[in-house]
Each structure stands twice: as structure tokens, then as C-alpha cells.
Amino acid sequence: MSRRSEKVGNTLKKALSEIIRLNFDFDVLVSVVEVDISPDLSQAKIYLSVMADKELKNLVRDDLESNKSSIKNSISDFIKLRKIPELIFILDETIEKAERIQKLIDKVNISSAKE
């Protein structure tokens, strides 16, 4: 990742966090975990952490997807680019996977301690 795309990605992450906080009234915690921007700045993959069940996570993502144009308009208040990148919202499952792995490790440790 070039220095420019890294800088734009970091600014975009901050902007999206603020936009989601101010413009959306989700009943769950929604965090922008990472923004991966293409080298030509044409596309941004936004990784979201949503503290909810699978169904609600999908509703949050769908709501953001359906409001892409207004989100892109709001981004222009935070960052000056010739063209705002195409936004792709992706649910980040890293925390859930880590919790499942930790539970499995704990389960193995408990059963080996009993032996």
C-alpha cells in the first residue's frame, strides 16, 4: 500500500466512524475496524465489527449499503478527493472467530486438567 493510499485509508476510517455515529441510529455497537483502499483510490473495502447476532449484522450492512450515496456525500466533508472511492462494506468476523478459538482452547485445557 502506498503512503498516499494508507493516509487516505486512515482518514476515511475516521470519517466513516463519525458518519456512522452521527447519521445512523443502530441499537448495536458498530465499529469501522479497517479500511483497505486500492492503490488507485477507486475502491475502499470497509471492514465493520458489529456486536450483534448474524441477522442484525446483515441488516446493519444492508442499511449502510443502501445509503452509500449519502455516505459518500458526507465523506466529502472530511476529505478532499477528486473522486470518492466506491465503498464496499464487509462484516469482520475476526473477533467472533477469536472467541470461538479461545473457547475451544479453554475446553481442551479444562479436560486435560481433569485427567
PDB file of N, CA and C in Angstrom:
ATOM      1  N   MET A   1       0.854  -1.173   0.000  1.00  0.00           N
ATOM      2  CA  MET A   1       0.000   0.000   0.000  1.00  0.00           C
ATOM      3  C   MET A   1       0.902   1.238   0.000  1.00  0.00           C
ATOM      4  N   SER A   2       0.604   2.139  -0.895  1.00  0.00           N
ATOM      5  CA  SER A   2       1.404   3.364  -0.977  1.00  0.00           C
ATOM      6  C   SER A   2       1.102   4.272   0.214  1.00  0.00           C
ATOM      7  N   ARG A   3       1.998   5.192   0.441  1.00  0.00           N
ATOM      8  CA  ARG A   3       1.828   6.126   1.563  1.00  0.00           C
ATOM      9  C   ARG A   3       0.544   6.942   1.388  1.00  0.00           C
ATOM     10  N   ARG A   4       0.268   7.346   0.166  1.00  0.00           N
ATOM     11  CA  ARG A   4      -0.935   8.147  -0.110  1.00  0.00           C
ATOM     12  C   ARG A   4      -2.205   7.344   0.184  1.00  0.00           C
ATOM     13  N   SER A   5      -2.270   6.107  -0.332  1.00  0.00           N
ATOM     14  CA  SER A   5      -3.481   5.312  -0.106  1.00  0.00           C
ATOM     15  C   SER A   5      -3.627   4.946   1.372  1.00  0.00           C
ATOM     16  N   GLU A   6      -2.512   4.766   2.071  1.00  0.00           N
ATOM     17  CA  GLU A   6      -2.569   4.496   3.509  1.00  0.00           C
ATOM     18  C   GLU A   6      -3.127   5.706   4.266  1.00  0.00           C
ATOM     19  N   LYS A   7      -2.667   6.888   3.887  1.00  0.00           N
ATOM     20  CA  LYS A   7      -3.138   8.122   4.523  1.00  0.00           C
ATOM     21  C   LYS A   7      -4.629   8.343   4.245  1.00  0.00           C
ATOM     22  N   VAL A   8      -5.031   8.133   2.994  1.00  0.00           N
ATOM     23  CA  VAL A   8      -6.446   8.285   2.630  1.00  0.00           C
ATOM     24  C   VAL A   8      -7.286   7.248   3.382  1.00  0.00           C
ATOM     25  N   GLY A   9      -6.776   6.016   3.478  1.00  0.00           N
ATOM     26  CA  GLY A   9      -7.488   4.960   4.195  1.00  0.00           C
ATOM     27  C   GLY A   9      -7.712   5.300   5.656  1.00  0.00           C
ATOM     28  N   ASN A  10      -6.685   5.835   6.317  1.00  0.00           N
ATOM     29  CA  ASN A  10      -6.814   6.223   7.730  1.00  0.00           C
ATOM     30  C   ASN A  10      -7.814   7.360   7.913  1.00  0.00           C
ATOM     31  N   THR A  11      -7.756   8.336   7.020  1.00  0.00           N
ATOM     32  CA  THR A  11      -8.700   9.462   7.092  1.00  0.00           C
ATOM     33  C   THR A  11     -10.123   8.981   6.826  1.00  0.00           C
ATOM     34  N   LEU A  12     -10.253   8.081   5.861  1.00  0.00           N
ATOM     35  CA  LEU A  12     -11.556   7.517   5.520  1.00  0.00           C
ATOM     36  C   LEU A  12     -12.130   6.726   6.702  1.00  0.00           C
ATOM     37  N   LYS A  13     -11.286   5.996   7.396  1.00  0.00           N
ATOM     38  CA  LYS A  13     -11.723   5.226   8.568  1.00  0.00           C
ATOM     39  C   LYS A  13     -12.293   6.155   9.638  1.00  0.00           C
ATOM     40  N   LYS A  14     -11.589   7.239   9.920  1.00  0.00           N
ATOM     41  CA  LYS A  14     -12.067   8.211  10.911  1.00  0.00           C
ATOM     42  C   LYS A  14     -13.374   8.858  10.455  1.00  0.00           C
ATOM     43  N   ALA A  15     -13.425   9.227   9.177  1.00  0.00           N
ATOM     44  CA  ALA A  15     -14.623   9.870   8.636  1.00  0.00           C
ATOM     45  C   ALA A  15     -15.828   8.937   8.712  1.00  0.00           C
ATOM     46  N   LEU A  16     -15.648   7.689   8.292  1.00  0.00           N
ATOM     47  CA  LEU A  16     -16.754   6.735   8.307  1.00  0.00           C
ATOM     48  C   LEU A  16     -17.232   6.449   9.729  1.00  0.00           C
ATOM     49  N   SER A  17     -16.308   6.371  10.662  1.00  0.00           N
ATOM     50  CA  SER A  17     -16.693   6.160  12.065  1.00  0.00           C
ATOM     51  C   SER A  17     -17.595   7.293  12.544  1.00  0.00           C
ATOM     52  N   GLU A  18     -17.213   8.516  12.227  1.00  0.00           N
ATOM     53  CA  GLU A  18     -18.011   9.692  12.620  1.00  0.00           C
ATOM     54  C   GLU A  18     -19.353   9.705  11.899  1.00  0.00           C
ATOM     55  N   ILE A  19     -19.347   9.431  10.610  1.00  0.00           N
ATOM     56  CA  ILE A  19     -20.583   9.448   9.809  1.00  0.00           C
ATOM     57  C   ILE A  19     -21.573   8.421  10.338  1.00  0.00           C
ATOM     58  N   ILE A  20     -21.089   7.216  10.622  1.00  0.00           N
ATOM     59  CA  ILE A  20     -21.971   6.167  11.140  1.00  0.00           C
ATOM     60  C   ILE A  20     -22.510   6.569  12.511  1.00  0.00           C
ATOM     61  N   ARG A  21     -21.657   7.117  13.354  1.00  0.00           N
ATOM     62  CA  ARG A  21     -22.073   7.524  14.701  1.00  0.00           C
ATOM     63  C   ARG A  21     -23.133   8.627  14.653  1.00  0.00           C
ATOM     64  N   LEU A  22     -22.948   9.593  13.756  1.00  0.00           N
ATOM     65  CA  LEU A  22     -23.843  10.752  13.707  1.00  0.00           C
ATOM     66  C   LEU A  22     -25.116  10.526  12.893  1.00  0.00           C
ATOM     67  N   ASN A  23     -25.032   9.736  11.831  1.00  0.00           N
ATOM     68  CA  ASN A  23     -26.145   9.645  10.879  1.00  0.00           C
ATOM     69  C   ASN A  23     -26.983   8.376  10.970  1.00  0.00           C
ATOM     70  N   PHE A  24     -26.542   7.409  11.754  1.00  0.00           N
ATOM     71  CA  PHE A  24     -27.279   6.149  11.844  1.00  0.00           C
ATOM     72  C   PHE A  24     -27.596   5.860  13.302  1.00  0.00           C
ATOM     73  N   ASP A  25     -28.799   5.362  13.524  1.00  0.00           N
ATOM     74  CA  ASP A  25     -29.235   5.070  14.887  1.00  0.00           C
ATOM     75  C   ASP A  25     -29.361   3.557  15.059  1.00  0.00           C
ATOM     76  N   PHE A  26     -28.212   2.883  15.059  1.00  0.00           N
ATOM     77  CA  PHE A  26     -28.214   1.441  15.263  1.00  0.00           C
ATOM     78  C   PHE A  26     -28.326   1.157  16.756  1.00  0.00           C
ATOM     79  N   ASP A  27     -29.038   0.088  17.100  1.00  0.00           N
ATOM     80  CA  ASP A  27     -29.185  -0.298  18.503  1.00  0.00           C
ATOM     81  C   ASP A  27     -28.019  -1.149  18.992  1.00  0.00           C
ATOM     82  N   VAL A  28     -27.032  -1.329  18.129  1.00  0.00           N
ATOM     83  CA  VAL A  28     -25.863  -2.143  18.471  1.00  0.00           C
ATOM     84  C   VAL A  28     -24.592  -1.343  18.210  1.00  0.00           C
ATOM     85  N   LEU A  29     -23.497  -1.826  18.768  1.00  0.00           N
ATOM     86  CA  LEU A  29     -22.209  -1.175  18.565  1.00  0.00           C
ATOM     87  C   LEU A  29     -21.673  -1.527  17.179  1.00  0.00           C
ATOM     88  N   VAL A  30     -21.384  -0.508  16.379  1.00  0.00           N
ATOM     89  CA  VAL A  30     -20.829  -0.688  15.038  1.00  0.00           C
ATOM     90  C   VAL A  30     -19.502   0.061  14.989  1.00  0.00           C
ATOM     91  N   SER A  31     -18.434  -0.671  14.650  1.00  0.00           N
ATOM     92  CA  SER A  31     -17.102  -0.063  14.580  1.00  0.00           C
ATOM     93  C   SER A  31     -16.493  -0.297  13.211  1.00  0.00           C
ATOM     94  N   VAL A  32     -15.797   0.714  12.716  1.00  0.00           N
ATOM     95  CA  VAL A  32     -15.021   0.552  11.489  1.00  0.00           C
ATOM     96  C   VAL A  32     -13.659   0.030  11.928  1.00  0.00           C
ATOM     97  N   VAL A  33     -13.386  -1.229  11.604  1.00  0.00           N
ATOM     98  CA  VAL A  33     -12.167  -1.889  12.051  1.00  0.00           C
ATOM     99  C   VAL A  33     -10.987  -1.522  11.162  1.00  0.00           C
ATOM    100  N   GLU A  34     -11.231  -1.527   9.862  1.00  0.00           N
ATOM    101  CA  GLU A  34     -10.148  -1.276   8.913  1.00  0.00           C
ATOM    102  C   GLU A  34     -10.737  -0.782   7.601  1.00  0.00           C
ATOM    103  N   VAL A  35      -9.961   0.025   6.896  1.00  0.00           N
ATOM    104  CA  VAL A  35     -10.322   0.449   5.545  1.00  0.00           C
ATOM    105  C   VAL A  35      -9.150   0.083   4.651  1.00  0.00           C
ATOM    106  N   ASP A  36      -9.427  -0.781   3.693  1.00  0.00           N
ATOM    107  CA  ASP A  36      -8.402  -1.218   2.746  1.00  0.00           C
ATOM    108  C   ASP A  36      -8.705  -0.543   1.415  1.00  0.00           C
ATOM    109  N   ILE A  37      -7.854   0.381   1.020  1.00  0.00           N
ATOM    110  CA  ILE A  37      -8.117   1.174  -0.183  1.00  0.00           C
ATOM    111  C   ILE A  37      -7.193   0.728  -1.307  1.00  0.00           C
ATOM    112  N   SER A  38      -7.730   0.679  -2.516  1.00  0.00           N
ATOM    113  CA  SER A  38      -6.929   0.256  -3.668  1.00  0.00           C
ATOM    114  C   SER A  38      -5.867   1.311  -3.984  1.00  0.00           C
ATOM    115  N   PRO A  39      -4.769   0.898  -4.622  1.00  0.00           N
ATOM    116  CA  PRO A  39      -3.685   1.845  -4.929  1.00  0.00           C
ATOM    117  C   PRO A  39      -4.129   3.052  -5.757  1.00  0.00           C
ATOM    118  N   ASP A  40      -5.113   2.857  -6.637  1.00  0.00           N
ATOM    119  CA  ASP A  40      -5.585   3.975  -7.463  1.00  0.00           C
ATOM    120  C   ASP A  40      -6.701   4.776  -6.784  1.00  0.00           C
ATOM    121  N   LEU A  41      -7.006   4.428  -5.524  1.00  0.00           N
ATOM    122  CA  LEU A  41      -8.015   5.116  -4.701  1.00  0.00           C
ATOM    123  C   LEU A  41      -9.431   5.023  -5.264  1.00  0.00           C
ATOM    124  N   SER A  42      -9.683   4.036  -6.109  1.00  0.00           N
ATOM    125  CA  SER A  42     -11.004   3.926  -6.724  1.00  0.00           C
ATOM    126  C   SER A  42     -11.972   3.077  -5.900  1.00  0.00           C
ATOM    127  N   GLN A  43     -11.436   2.268  -4.988  1.00  0.00           N
ATOM    128  CA  GLN A  43     -12.273   1.336  -4.254  1.00  0.00           C
ATOM    129  C   GLN A  43     -11.797   1.240  -2.803  1.00  0.00           C
ATOM    130  N   ALA A  44     -12.743   1.220  -1.884  1.00  0.00           N
ATOM    131  CA  ALA A  44     -12.412   1.088  -0.464  1.00  0.00           C
ATOM    132  C   ALA A  44     -13.242  -0.038   0.144  1.00  0.00           C
ATOM    133  N   LYS A  45     -12.543  -1.018   0.708  1.00  0.00           N
ATOM    134  CA  LYS A  45     -13.211  -2.091   1.435  1.00  0.00           C
ATOM    135  C   LYS A  45     -13.247  -1.674   2.899  1.00  0.00           C
ATOM    136  N   ILE A  46     -14.458  -1.560   3.430  1.00  0.00           N
ATOM    137  CA  ILE A  46     -14.642  -1.122   4.803  1.00  0.00           C
ATOM    138  C   ILE A  46     -15.031  -2.335   5.640  1.00  0.00           C
ATOM    139  N   TYR A  47     -14.168  -2.695   6.578  1.00  0.00           N
ATOM    140  CA  TYR A  47     -14.409  -3.834   7.452  1.00  0.00           C
ATOM    141  C   TYR A  47     -15.094  -3.342   8.724  1.00  0.00           C
ATOM    142  N   LEU A  48     -16.267  -3.914   8.985  1.00  0.00           N
ATOM    143  CA  LEU A  48     -17.095  -3.486  10.115  1.00  0.00           C
ATOM    144  C   LEU A  48     -17.172  -4.563  11.186  1.00  0.00           C
ATOM    145  N   SER A  49     -17.112  -4.141  12.419  1.00  0.00           N
ATOM    146  CA  SER A  49     -17.378  -5.025  13.543  1.00  0.00           C
ATOM    147  C   SER A  49     -18.731  -4.611  14.109  1.00  0.00           C
ATOM    148  N   VAL A  50     -19.655  -5.569  14.147  1.00  0.00           N
ATOM    149  CA  VAL A  50     -20.999  -5.297  14.655  1.00  0.00           C
ATOM    150  C   VAL A  50     -21.267  -6.272  15.796  1.00  0.00           C
ATOM    151  N   MET A  51     -21.516  -5.733  16.983  1.00  0.00           N
ATOM    152  CA  MET A  51     -21.760  -6.573  18.158  1.00  0.00           C
ATOM    153  C   MET A  51     -23.236  -6.951  18.210  1.00  0.00           C
ATOM    154  N   ALA A  52     -23.567  -8.005  17.449  1.00  0.00           N
ATOM    155  CA  ALA A  52     -24.950  -8.471  17.384  1.00  0.00           C
ATOM    156  C   ALA A  52     -24.973  -9.862  16.760  1.00  0.00           C
ATOM    157  N   ASP A  53     -26.188 -10.421  16.659  1.00  0.00           N
ATOM    158  CA  ASP A  53     -26.306 -11.720  16.006  1.00  0.00           C
ATOM    159  C   ASP A  53     -26.200 -11.562  14.490  1.00  0.00           C
ATOM    160  N   LYS A  54     -26.091 -12.688  13.802  1.00  0.00           N
ATOM    161  CA  LYS A  54     -25.846 -12.699  12.355  1.00  0.00           C
ATOM    162  C   LYS A  54     -26.899 -11.900  11.583  1.00  0.00           C
ATOM    163  N   GLU A  55     -28.153 -12.086  11.947  1.00  0.00           N
ATOM    164  CA  GLU A  55     -29.250 -11.409  11.246  1.00  0.00           C
ATOM    165  C   GLU A  55     -29.143  -9.886  11.368  1.00  0.00           C
ATOM    166  N   LEU A  56     -28.883  -9.413  12.561  1.00  0.00           N
ATOM    167  CA  LEU A  56     -28.765  -7.974  12.798  1.00  0.00           C
ATOM    168  C   LEU A  56     -27.520  -7.402  12.123  1.00  0.00           C
ATOM    169  N   LYS A  57     -26.447  -8.180  12.114  1.00  0.00           N
ATOM    170  CA  LYS A  57     -25.221  -7.750  11.420  1.00  0.00           C
ATOM    171  C   LYS A  57     -25.516  -7.500   9.946  1.00  0.00           C
ATOM    172  N   ASN A  58     -26.236  -8.437   9.337  1.00  0.00           N
ATOM    173  CA  ASN A  58     -26.577  -8.290   7.921  1.00  0.00           C
ATOM    174  C   ASN A  58     -27.489  -7.091   7.685  1.00  0.00           C
ATOM    175  N   LEU A  59     -28.402  -6.827   8.615  1.00  0.00           N
ATOM    176  CA  LEU A  59     -29.278  -5.656   8.491  1.00  0.00           C
ATOM    177  C   LEU A  59     -28.475  -4.357   8.545  1.00  0.00           C
ATOM    178  N   VAL A  60     -27.490  -4.303   9.437  1.00  0.00           N
ATOM    179  CA  VAL A  60     -26.634  -3.115   9.545  1.00  0.00           C
ATOM    180  C   VAL A  60     -25.880  -2.907   8.240  1.00  0.00           C
ATOM    181  N   ARG A  61     -25.255  -3.980   7.734  1.00  0.00           N
ATOM    182  CA  ARG A  61     -24.508  -3.875   6.481  1.00  0.00           C
ATOM    183  C   ARG A  61     -25.424  -3.457   5.328  1.00  0.00           C
ATOM    184  N   ASP A  62     -26.601  -4.061   5.249  1.00  0.00           N
ATOM    185  CA  ASP A  62     -27.544  -3.722   4.181  1.00  0.00           C
ATOM    186  C   ASP A  62     -27.990  -2.265   4.273  1.00  0.00           C
ATOM    187  N   ASP A  63     -28.199  -1.776   5.483  1.00  0.00           N
ATOM    188  CA  ASP A  63     -28.586  -0.378   5.689  1.00  0.00           C
ATOM    189  C   ASP A  63     -27.479   0.557   5.197  1.00  0.00           C
ATOM    190  N   LEU A  64     -26.244   0.234   5.529  1.00  0.00           N
ATOM    191  CA  LEU A  64     -25.113   1.052   5.062  1.00  0.00           C
ATOM    192  C   LEU A  64     -24.986   0.978   3.539  1.00  0.00           C
ATOM    193  N   GLU A  65     -25.154  -0.215   2.989  1.00  0.00           N
ATOM    194  CA  GLU A  65     -25.086  -0.389   1.530  1.00  0.00           C
ATOM    195  C   GLU A  65     -26.148   0.451   0.825  1.00  0.00           C
ATOM    196  N   SER A  66     -27.359   0.451   1.365  1.00  0.00           N
ATOM    197  CA  SER A  66     -28.446   1.188   0.712  1.00  0.00           C
ATOM    198  C   SER A  66     -28.292   2.705   0.848  1.00  0.00           C
ATOM    199  N   ASN A  67     -27.444   3.142   1.763  1.00  0.00           N
ATOM    200  CA  ASN A  67     -27.213   4.576   1.959  1.00  0.00           C
ATOM    201  C   ASN A  67     -25.837   5.024   1.480  1.00  0.00           C
ATOM    202  N   LYS A  68     -25.252   4.264   0.573  1.00  0.00           N
ATOM    203  CA  LYS A  68     -23.902   4.569   0.081  1.00  0.00           C
ATOM    204  C   LYS A  68     -23.768   5.978  -0.474  1.00  0.00           C
ATOM    205  N   SER A  69     -24.750   6.407  -1.245  1.00  0.00           N
ATOM    206  CA  SER A  69     -24.621   7.724  -1.889  1.00  0.00           C
ATOM    207  C   SER A  69     -24.587   8.851  -0.855  1.00  0.00           C
ATOM    208  N   SER A  70     -25.422   8.771   0.169  1.00  0.00           N
ATOM    209  CA  SER A  70     -25.386   9.823   1.196  1.00  0.00           C
ATOM    210  C   SER A  70     -24.106   9.730   2.032  1.00  0.00           C
ATOM    211  N   ILE A  71     -23.614   8.524   2.247  1.00  0.00           N
ATOM    212  CA  ILE A  71     -22.351   8.352   2.970  1.00  0.00           C
ATOM    213  C   ILE A  71     -21.209   8.961   2.165  1.00  0.00           C
ATOM    214  N   LYS A  72     -21.209   8.712   0.858  1.00  0.00           N
ATOM    215  CA  LYS A  72     -20.160   9.280   0.002  1.00  0.00           C
ATOM    216  C   LYS A  72     -20.217  10.809   0.011  1.00  0.00           C
ATOM    217  N   ASN A  73     -21.421  11.361   0.009  1.00  0.00           N
ATOM    218  CA  ASN A  73     -21.561  12.822   0.089  1.00  0.00           C
ATOM    219  C   ASN A  73     -21.006  13.354   1.409  1.00  0.00           C
ATOM    220  N   SER A  74     -21.271  12.651   2.492  1.00  0.00           N
ATOM    221  CA  SER A  74     -20.768  13.071   3.801  1.00  0.00           C
ATOM    222  C   SER A  74     -19.248  12.960   3.884  1.00  0.00           C
ATOM    223  N   ILE A  75     -18.684  11.970   3.212  1.00  0.00           N
ATOM    224  CA  ILE A  75     -17.224  11.787   3.216  1.00  0.00           C
ATOM    225  C   ILE A  75     -16.531  13.014   2.651  1.00  0.00           C
ATOM    226  N   SER A  76     -17.143  13.635   1.656  1.00  0.00           N
ATOM    227  CA  SER A  76     -16.516  14.805   1.023  1.00  0.00           C
ATOM    228  C   SER A  76     -16.348  15.972   2.003  1.00  0.00           C
ATOM    229  N   ASP A  77     -17.089  15.964   3.116  1.00  0.00           N
ATOM    230  CA  ASP A  77     -16.896  16.986   4.155  1.00  0.00           C
ATOM    231  C   ASP A  77     -15.616  16.745   4.953  1.00  0.00           C
ATOM    232  N   PHE A  78     -15.167  15.490   4.990  1.00  0.00           N
ATOM    233  CA  PHE A  78     -13.998  15.121   5.784  1.00  0.00           C
ATOM    234  C   PHE A  78     -12.704  15.081   4.981  1.00  0.00           C
ATOM    235  N   ILE A  79     -12.809  14.726   3.708  1.00  0.00           N
ATOM    236  CA  ILE A  79     -11.609  14.515   2.908  1.00  0.00           C
ATOM    237  C   ILE A  79     -11.833  15.039   1.494  1.00  0.00           C
ATOM    238  N   LYS A  80     -10.866  15.749   0.996  1.00  0.00           N
ATOM    239  CA  LYS A  80     -10.974  16.319  -0.345  1.00  0.00           C
ATOM    240  C   LYS A  80     -10.272  15.400  -1.347  1.00  0.00           C
ATOM    241  N   LEU A  81     -11.077  14.735  -2.138  1.00  0.00           N
ATOM    242  CA  LEU A  81     -10.570  13.868  -3.203  1.00  0.00           C
ATOM    243  C   LEU A  81     -11.281  14.231  -4.490  1.00  0.00           C
ATOM    244  N   ARG A  82     -10.586  14.017  -5.588  1.00  0.00           N
ATOM    245  CA  ARG A  82     -11.215  14.276  -6.879  1.00  0.00           C
ATOM    246  C   ARG A  82     -12.450  13.397  -7.043  1.00  0.00           C
ATOM    247  N   LYS A  83     -12.306  12.133  -6.625  1.00  0.00           N
ATOM    248  CA  LYS A  83     -13.417  11.188  -6.712  1.00  0.00           C
ATOM    249  C   LYS A  83     -13.425  10.343  -5.443  1.00  0.00           C
ATOM    250  N   ILE A  84     -14.567  10.264  -4.802  1.00  0.00           N
ATOM    251  CA  ILE A  84     -14.705   9.438  -3.599  1.00  0.00           C
ATOM    252  C   ILE A  84     -14.712   7.973  -4.049  1.00  0.00           C
ATOM    253  N   PRO A  85     -13.942   7.113  -3.382  1.00  0.00           N
ATOM    254  CA  PRO A  85     -13.871   5.706  -3.800  1.00  0.00           C
ATOM    255  C   PRO A  85     -15.208   4.980  -3.674  1.00  0.00           C
ATOM    256  N   GLU A  86     -15.354   3.934  -4.459  1.00  0.00           N
ATOM    257  CA  GLU A  86     -16.512   3.050  -4.351  1.00  0.00           C
ATOM    258  C   GLU A  86     -16.405   2.339  -3.006  1.00  0.00           C
ATOM    259  N   LEU A  87     -17.492   2.319  -2.241  1.00  0.00           N
ATOM    260  CA  LEU A  87     -17.468   1.739  -0.903  1.00  0.00           C
ATOM    261  C   LEU A  87     -18.004   0.314  -0.925  1.00  0.00           C
ATOM    262  N   ILE A  88     -17.255  -0.585  -0.303  1.00  0.00           N
ATOM    263  CA  ILE A  88     -17.676  -1.980  -0.176  1.00  0.00           C
ATOM    264  C   ILE A  88     -17.663  -2.310   1.315  1.00  0.00           C
ATOM    265  N   PHE A  89     -18.836  -2.588   1.876  1.00  0.00           N
ATOM    266  CA  PHE A  89     -18.939  -2.876   3.305  1.00  0.00           C
ATOM    267  C   PHE A  89     -18.835  -4.379   3.535  1.00  0.00           C
ATOM    268  N   ILE A  90     -17.918  -4.769   4.427  1.00  0.00           N
ATOM    269  CA  ILE A  90     -17.655  -6.178   4.716  1.00  0.00           C
ATOM    270  C   ILE A  90     -17.735  -6.375   6.226  1.00  0.00           C
ATOM    271  N   LEU A  91     -18.472  -7.403   6.634  1.00  0.00           N
ATOM    272  CA  LEU A  91     -18.551  -7.716   8.061  1.00  0.00           C
ATOM    273  C   LEU A  91     -17.277  -8.438   8.480  1.00  0.00           C
ATOM    274  N   ASP A  92     -16.616  -7.917   9.497  1.00  0.00           N
ATOM    275  CA  ASP A  92     -15.378  -8.502  10.001  1.00  0.00           C
ATOM    276  C   ASP A  92     -15.724  -9.498  11.105  1.00  0.00           C
ATOM    277  N   GLU A  93     -15.394 -10.756  10.878  1.00  0.00           N
ATOM    278  CA  GLU A  93     -15.725 -11.824  11.823  1.00  0.00           C
ATOM    279  C   GLU A  93     -14.540 -12.191  12.714  1.00  0.00           C
ATOM    280  N   THR A  94     -13.478 -11.421  12.695  1.00  0.00           N
ATOM    281  CA  THR A  94     -12.252 -11.753  13.415  1.00  0.00           C
ATOM    282  C   THR A  94     -12.487 -11.940  14.911  1.00  0.00           C
ATOM    283  N   ILE A  95     -13.225 -11.041  15.526  1.00  0.00           N
ATOM    284  CA  ILE A  95     -13.460 -11.125  16.975  1.00  0.00           C
ATOM    285  C   ILE A  95     -14.240 -12.395  17.318  1.00  0.00           C
ATOM    286  N   GLU A  96     -15.276 -12.706  16.543  1.00  0.00           N
ATOM    287  CA  GLU A  96     -16.079 -13.897  16.802  1.00  0.00           C
ATOM    288  C   GLU A  96     -15.246 -15.161  16.628  1.00  0.00           C
ATOM    289  N   LYS A  97     -14.411 -15.192  15.587  1.00  0.00           N
ATOM    290  CA  LYS A  97     -13.552 -16.360  15.364  1.00  0.00           C
ATOM    291  C   LYS A  97     -12.561 -16.527  16.507  1.00  0.00           C
ATOM    292  N   ALA A  98     -11.995 -15.437  16.973  1.00  0.00           N
ATOM    293  CA  ALA A  98     -11.043 -15.494  18.087  1.00  0.00           C
ATOM    294  C   ALA A  98     -11.725 -16.008  19.354  1.00  0.00           C
ATOM    295  N   GLU A  99     -12.960 -15.570  19.594  1.00  0.00           N
ATOM    296  CA  GLU A  99     -13.698 -16.038  20.771  1.00  0.00           C
ATOM    297  C   GLU A  99     -13.985 -17.532  20.688  1.00  0.00           C
ATOM    298  N   ARG A 100     -14.367 -18.022  19.489  1.00  0.00           N
ATOM    299  CA  ARG A 100     -14.624 -19.454  19.317  1.00  0.00           C
ATOM    300  C   ARG A 100     -13.357 -20.264  19.558  1.00  0.00           C
ATOM    301  N   ILE A 101     -12.240 -19.790  19.024  1.00  0.00           N
ATOM    302  CA  ILE A 101     -10.966 -20.487  19.213  1.00  0.00           C
ATOM    303  C   ILE A 101     -10.591 -20.500  20.688  1.00  0.00           C
ATOM    304  N   GLN A 102     -10.774 -19.371  21.363  1.00  0.00           N
ATOM    305  CA  GLN A 102     -10.451 -19.298  22.795  1.00  0.00           C
ATOM    306  C   GLN A 102     -11.309 -20.269  23.596  1.00  0.00           C
ATOM    307  N   LYS A 103     -12.594 -20.379  23.258  1.00  0.00           N
ATOM    308  CA  LYS A 103     -13.474 -21.316  23.957  1.00  0.00           C
ATOM    309  C   LYS A 103     -13.008 -22.752  23.746  1.00  0.00           C
ATOM    310  N   LEU A 104     -12.586 -23.078  22.516  1.00  0.00           N
ATOM    311  CA  LEU A 104     -12.081 -24.424  22.239  1.00  0.00           C
ATOM    312  C   LEU A 104     -10.809 -24.703  23.033  1.00  0.00           C
ATOM    313  N   ILE A 105      -9.921 -23.731  23.098  1.00  0.00           N
ATOM    314  CA  ILE A 105      -8.677 -23.887  23.870  1.00  0.00           C
ATOM    315  C   ILE A 105      -9.001 -24.075  25.351  1.00  0.00           C
ATOM    316  N   ASP A 106      -9.928 -23.261  25.864  1.00  0.00           N
ATOM    317  CA  ASP A 106     -10.328 -23.386  27.267  1.00  0.00           C
ATOM    318  C   ASP A 106     -10.930 -24.759  27.546  1.00  0.00           C
ATOM    319  N   LYS A 107     -11.733 -25.250  26.616  1.00  0.00           N
ATOM    320  CA  LYS A 107     -12.368 -26.554  26.763  1.00  0.00           C
ATOM    321  C   LYS A 107     -11.318 -27.663  26.819  1.00  0.00           C
ATOM    322  N   VAL A 108     -10.316 -27.579  25.948  1.00  0.00           N
ATOM    323  CA  VAL A 108      -9.234 -28.565  25.932  1.00  0.00           C
ATOM    324  C   VAL A 108      -8.429 -28.481  27.230  1.00  0.00           C
ATOM    325  N   ASN A 109      -8.147 -27.272  27.678  1.00  0.00           N
ATOM    326  CA  ASN A 109      -7.393 -27.089  28.927  1.00  0.00           C
ATOM    327  C   ASN A 109      -8.144 -27.646  30.132  1.00  0.00           C
ATOM    328  N   ILE A 110      -9.451 -27.457  30.171  1.00  0.00           N
ATOM    329  CA  ILE A 110     -10.264 -27.962  31.280  1.00  0.00           C
ATOM    330  C   ILE A 110     -10.262 -29.484  31.283  1.00  0.00           C
ATOM    331  N   SER A 111     -10.454 -30.094  30.100  1.00  0.00           N
ATOM    332  CA  SER A 111     -10.491 -31.554  30.041  1.00  0.00           C
ATOM    333  C   SER A 111      -9.119 -32.167  30.321  1.00  0.00           C
ATOM    334  N   SER A 112      -8.033 -31.511  29.925  1.00  0.00           N
ATOM    335  CA  SER A 112      -6.698 -32.053  30.219  1.00  0.00           C
ATOM    336  C   SER A 112      -6.341 -31.849  31.692  1.00  0.00           C
ATOM    337  N   ALA A 113      -6.898 -30.832  32.335  1.00  0.00           N
ATOM    338  CA  ALA A 113      -6.655 -30.603  33.761  1.00  0.00           C
ATOM    339  C   ALA A 113      -7.378 -31.645  34.610  1.00  0.00           C
ATOM    340  N   LYS A 114      -8.501 -32.150  34.116  1.00  0.00           N
ATOM    341  CA  LYS A 114      -9.263 -33.164  34.839  1.00  0.00           C
ATOM    342  C   LYS A 114      -8.565 -34.514  34.800  1.00  0.00           C
ATOM    343  N   GLU A 115      -7.725 -34.731  33.801  1.00  0.00           N
ATOM    344  CA  GLU A 115      -7.055 -36.031  33.649  1.00  0.00           C
ATOM    345  C   GLU A 115      -5.914 -36.215  34.547  1.00  0.00           C
TER     346      GLU A 115
END
